[in-house]
Amino acid sequence: MLDTSREPVPAATDAPAEEPRGCLFALSQPPLMIFLGVIGCLLMMAAVHDLFVL
């Protein structure tokens, strides 16, 4: 049987104070998004040129 007489222990007793930053934090930086936007525009221009001009 399950013993329910004890009080529950909080889950975050030994959690670090600050969570590590991951990939979504890196994608939220404006210089990276500007760089990716420029590369995306260049790829799109090349694709449109190949499809409709040539």
C-alpha atoms as a PDB file:
ATOM      1  CA  MET A   1       0.000   0.000   0.000  1.00  0.00           C
ATOM      2  CA  LEU A   2       0.988   3.608  -0.478  1.00  0.00           C
ATOM      3  CA  ASP A   3       2.094   5.438   2.657  1.00  0.00           C
ATOM      4  CA  THR A   4       0.410   8.880   2.617  1.00  0.00           C
ATOM      5  CA  SER A   5       1.217   9.865   6.195  1.00  0.00           C
ATOM      6  CA  ARG A   6       4.483  11.612   5.274  1.00  0.00           C
ATOM      7  CA  GLU A   7       4.572  15.174   3.969  1.00  0.00           C
ATOM      8  CA  PRO A   8       5.581  15.585   0.320  1.00  0.00           C
ATOM      9  CA  VAL A   9       9.100  16.812  -0.341  1.00  0.00           C
ATOM     10  CA  PRO A  10       9.387  19.846  -2.654  1.00  0.00           C
ATOM     11  CA  ALA A  11      10.734  18.831  -6.053  1.00  0.00           C
ATOM     12  CA  ALA A  12      13.133  21.750  -6.520  1.00  0.00           C
ATOM     13  CA  THR A  13      15.155  21.529  -3.304  1.00  0.00           C
ATOM     14  CA  ASP A  14      18.520  20.995  -5.013  1.00  0.00           C
ATOM     15  CA  ALA A  15      17.819  22.647  -8.380  1.00  0.00           C
ATOM     16  CA  PRO A  16      20.337  25.201  -9.653  1.00  0.00           C
ATOM     17  CA  ALA A  17      19.382  28.841  -9.256  1.00  0.00           C
ATOM     18  CA  GLU A  18      19.619  29.639 -12.971  1.00  0.00           C
ATOM     19  CA  GLU A  19      18.736  27.316 -15.850  1.00  0.00           C
ATOM     20  CA  PRO A  20      21.297  26.895 -18.636  1.00  0.00           C
ATOM     21  CA  ARG A  21      20.534  28.764 -21.829  1.00  0.00           C
ATOM     22  CA  GLY A  22      19.865  26.671 -24.896  1.00  0.00           C
ATOM     23  CA  CYS A  23      19.332  26.975 -28.626  1.00  0.00           C
ATOM     24  CA  LEU A  24      16.175  29.083 -28.419  1.00  0.00           C
ATOM     25  CA  PHE A  25      18.089  31.745 -26.507  1.00  0.00           C
ATOM     26  CA  ALA A  26      20.690  31.826 -29.284  1.00  0.00           C
ATOM     27  CA  LEU A  27      17.983  32.181 -31.965  1.00  0.00           C
ATOM     28  CA  SER A  28      16.490  35.157 -30.123  1.00  0.00           C
ATOM     29  CA  GLN A  29      19.597  37.272 -30.700  1.00  0.00           C
ATOM     30  CA  PRO A  30      19.111  39.991 -33.362  1.00  0.00           C
ATOM     31  CA  PRO A  31      22.527  39.669 -35.124  1.00  0.00           C
ATOM     32  CA  LEU A  32      22.009  35.953 -35.704  1.00  0.00           C
ATOM     33  CA  MET A  33      18.486  36.482 -37.034  1.00  0.00           C
ATOM     34  CA  ILE A  34      19.700  39.258 -39.377  1.00  0.00           C
ATOM     35  CA  PHE A  35      22.442  36.954 -40.671  1.00  0.00           C
ATOM     36  CA  LEU A  36      19.998  34.081 -41.215  1.00  0.00           C
ATOM     37  CA  GLY A  37      17.545  36.441 -42.906  1.00  0.00           C
ATOM     38  CA  VAL A  38      20.196  37.671 -45.356  1.00  0.00           C
ATOM     39  CA  ILE A  39      21.266  34.111 -46.185  1.00  0.00           C
ATOM     40  CA  GLY A  40      17.608  33.108 -46.623  1.00  0.00           C
ATOM     41  CA  CYS A  41      16.981  36.043 -48.973  1.00  0.00           C
ATOM     42  CA  LEU A  42      20.033  35.155 -51.053  1.00  0.00           C
ATOM     43  CA  LEU A  43      18.884  31.546 -51.334  1.00  0.00           C
ATOM     44  CA  MET A  44      15.359  32.659 -52.258  1.00  0.00           C
ATOM     45  CA  MET A  45      16.674  35.056 -54.931  1.00  0.00           C
ATOM     46  CA  ALA A  46      18.822  32.289 -56.409  1.00  0.00           C
ATOM     47  CA  ALA A  47      15.860  29.884 -56.453  1.00  0.00           C
ATOM     48  CA  VAL A  48      13.555  32.436 -58.100  1.00  0.00           C
ATOM     49  CA  HIS A  49      16.245  33.238 -60.667  1.00  0.00           C
ATOM     50  CA  ASP A  50      16.709  29.542 -61.491  1.00  0.00           C
ATOM     51  CA  LEU A  51      12.977  28.874 -61.756  1.00  0.00           C
ATOM     52  CA  PHE A  52      11.721  31.926 -63.624  1.00  0.00           C
ATOM     53  CA  VAL A  53      14.647  33.594 -65.400  1.00  0.00           C
ATOM     54  CA  LEU A  54      16.654  30.684 -66.767  1.00  0.00           C
END
